[in-house]
C-alpha atoms as a PDB file:
ATOM      1  CA  MET A   1     -89.679 -10.588  50.796  1.00  0.00           C
ATOM      2  CA  ASN A   2     -87.355  -8.465  52.859  1.00  0.00           C
ATOM      3  CA  TRP A   3     -83.923  -7.839  51.288  1.00  0.00           C
ATOM      4  CA  ASP A   4     -82.165  -8.958  54.463  1.00  0.00           C
ATOM      5  CA  TRP A   5     -83.822 -12.366  54.329  1.00  0.00           C
ATOM      6  CA  LEU A   6     -82.994 -12.695  50.655  1.00  0.00           C
ATOM      7  CA  LEU A   7     -79.351 -11.836  51.337  1.00  0.00           C
ATOM      8  CA  LEU A   8     -79.218 -14.392  54.163  1.00  0.00           C
ATOM      9  CA  LEU A   9     -80.672 -17.077  51.885  1.00  0.00           C
ATOM     10  CA  ILE A  10     -78.074 -16.276  49.231  1.00  0.00           C
ATOM     11  CA  LEU A  11     -75.344 -16.403  51.874  1.00  0.00           C
ATOM     12  CA  LEU A  12     -76.510 -19.802  53.117  1.00  0.00           C
ATOM     13  CA  PHE A  13     -76.720 -21.158  49.577  1.00  0.00           C
ATOM     14  CA  THR A  14     -73.228 -19.861  48.843  1.00  0.00           C
ATOM     15  CA  ALA A  15     -71.798 -21.396  52.006  1.00  0.00           C
ATOM     16  CA  PHE A  16     -73.326 -24.804  51.292  1.00  0.00           C
ATOM     17  CA  THR A  17     -72.165 -24.861  47.677  1.00  0.00           C
ATOM     18  CA  GLN A  18     -68.709 -23.259  47.882  1.00  0.00           C
ATOM     19  CA  LEU A  19     -67.281 -24.267  51.246  1.00  0.00           C
ATOM     20  CA  PRO A  20     -66.913 -27.999  50.416  1.00  0.00           C
ATOM     21  CA  SER A  21     -65.033 -27.181  47.216  1.00  0.00           C
ATOM     22  CA  LEU A  22     -62.768 -24.762  49.087  1.00  0.00           C
ATOM     23  CA  LEU A  23     -61.988 -27.419  51.671  1.00  0.00           C
ATOM     24  CA  ARG A  24     -61.123 -29.891  48.916  1.00  0.00           C
ATOM     25  CA  LEU A  25     -58.581 -27.402  47.519  1.00  0.00           C
ATOM     26  CA  ARG A  26     -56.740 -27.516  50.856  1.00  0.00           C
ATOM     27  CA  SER A  27     -55.938 -23.830  50.608  1.00  0.00           C
ATOM     28  CA  PRO A  28     -56.180 -22.304  54.081  1.00  0.00           C
ATOM     29  CA  GLN A  29     -55.781 -18.778  52.711  1.00  0.00           C
ATOM     30  CA  ASP A  30     -58.718 -19.060  50.302  1.00  0.00           C
ATOM     31  CA  THR A  31     -60.893 -20.736  52.892  1.00  0.00           C
ATOM     32  CA  SER A  32     -60.109 -18.171  55.575  1.00  0.00           C
ATOM     33  CA  VAL A  33     -60.769 -15.205  53.253  1.00  0.00           C
ATOM     34  CA  PHE A  34     -64.082 -16.727  52.187  1.00  0.00           C
ATOM     35  CA  CYS A  35     -65.082 -17.392  55.805  1.00  0.00           C
ATOM     36  CA  VAL A  36     -64.111 -13.895  56.973  1.00  0.00           C
ATOM     37  CA  PHE A  37     -66.113 -12.170  54.227  1.00  0.00           C
ATOM     38  CA  TRP A  38     -69.008 -14.557  54.718  1.00  0.00           C
ATOM     39  CA  LEU A  39     -69.087 -13.961  58.483  1.00  0.00           C
ATOM     40  CA  LEU A  40     -68.825 -10.186  58.058  1.00  0.00           C
ATOM     41  CA  THR A  41     -71.688 -10.108  55.603  1.00  0.00           C
ATOM     42  CA  ALA A  42     -73.840 -12.411  57.711  1.00  0.00           C
ATOM     43  CA  SER A  43     -73.181 -10.484  60.927  1.00  0.00           C
ATOM     44  CA  PHE A  44     -73.880  -7.099  59.321  1.00  0.00           C
ATOM     45  CA  THR A  45     -77.050  -8.454  57.750  1.00  0.00           C
ATOM     46  CA  ILE A  46     -78.279  -9.794  61.086  1.00  0.00           C
ATOM     47  CA  ALA A  47     -77.354  -6.496  62.774  1.00  0.00           C
ATOM     48  CA  ASP A  48     -79.322  -4.620  60.121  1.00  0.00           C
ATOM     49  CA  MET A  49     -82.305  -6.905  60.717  1.00  0.00           C
ATOM     50  CA  ALA A  50     -82.056  -6.131  64.439  1.00  0.00           C
ATOM     51  CA  GLY A  51     -82.259  -2.403  63.707  1.00  0.00           C
ATOM     52  CA  SER A  52     -78.636  -1.393  64.087  1.00  0.00           C
ATOM     53  CA  THR A  53     -77.756   1.728  62.131  1.00  0.00           C
ATOM     54  CA  LEU A  54     -73.969   1.439  62.367  1.00  0.00           C
ATOM     55  CA  ILE A  55     -73.271  -0.109  58.983  1.00  0.00           C
ATOM     56  CA  ARG A  56     -75.468  -1.698  56.385  1.00  0.00           C
ATOM     57  CA  PRO A  57     -74.354  -4.855  54.539  1.00  0.00           C
ATOM     58  CA  MET A  58     -74.385  -3.453  51.029  1.00  0.00           C
ATOM     59  CA  ASN A  59     -72.576  -0.258  52.051  1.00  0.00           C
ATOM     60  CA  TRP A  60     -69.417  -2.088  53.091  1.00  0.00           C
ATOM     61  CA  VAL A  61     -69.598  -4.394  50.068  1.00  0.00           C
ATOM     62  CA  TYR A  62     -69.869  -1.349  47.798  1.00  0.00           C
ATOM     63  CA  SER A  63     -66.938   0.362  49.532  1.00  0.00           C
ATOM     64  CA  ILE A  64     -64.699  -2.713  49.120  1.00  0.00           C
ATOM     65  CA  ILE A  65     -65.626  -3.071  45.440  1.00  0.00           C
ATOM     66  CA  LYS A  66     -64.994   0.626  44.884  1.00  0.00           C
ATOM     67  CA  MET A  67     -61.587   0.338  46.613  1.00  0.00           C
ATOM     68  CA  LEU A  68     -60.582  -2.690  44.524  1.00  0.00           C
ATOM     69  CA  SER A  69     -61.649  -1.227  41.190  1.00  0.00           C
ATOM     70  CA  PHE A  70     -59.537   1.946  41.566  1.00  0.00           C
END
């Protein structure tokens, strides 16, 4: 299985399981942060599947984790 397809399946599973609980919390900040990161990851994964070489999904995830861990 291609890693891009696996990442998309994980993203879909995460959206279906976590988004309803975020909406029940009624926290617009948490929901918007989740949606922004989810959309970024999904769009970069689809761009990588299409052959774009601008940025790969795991590269930007790694850079954010590295920035947050100091």
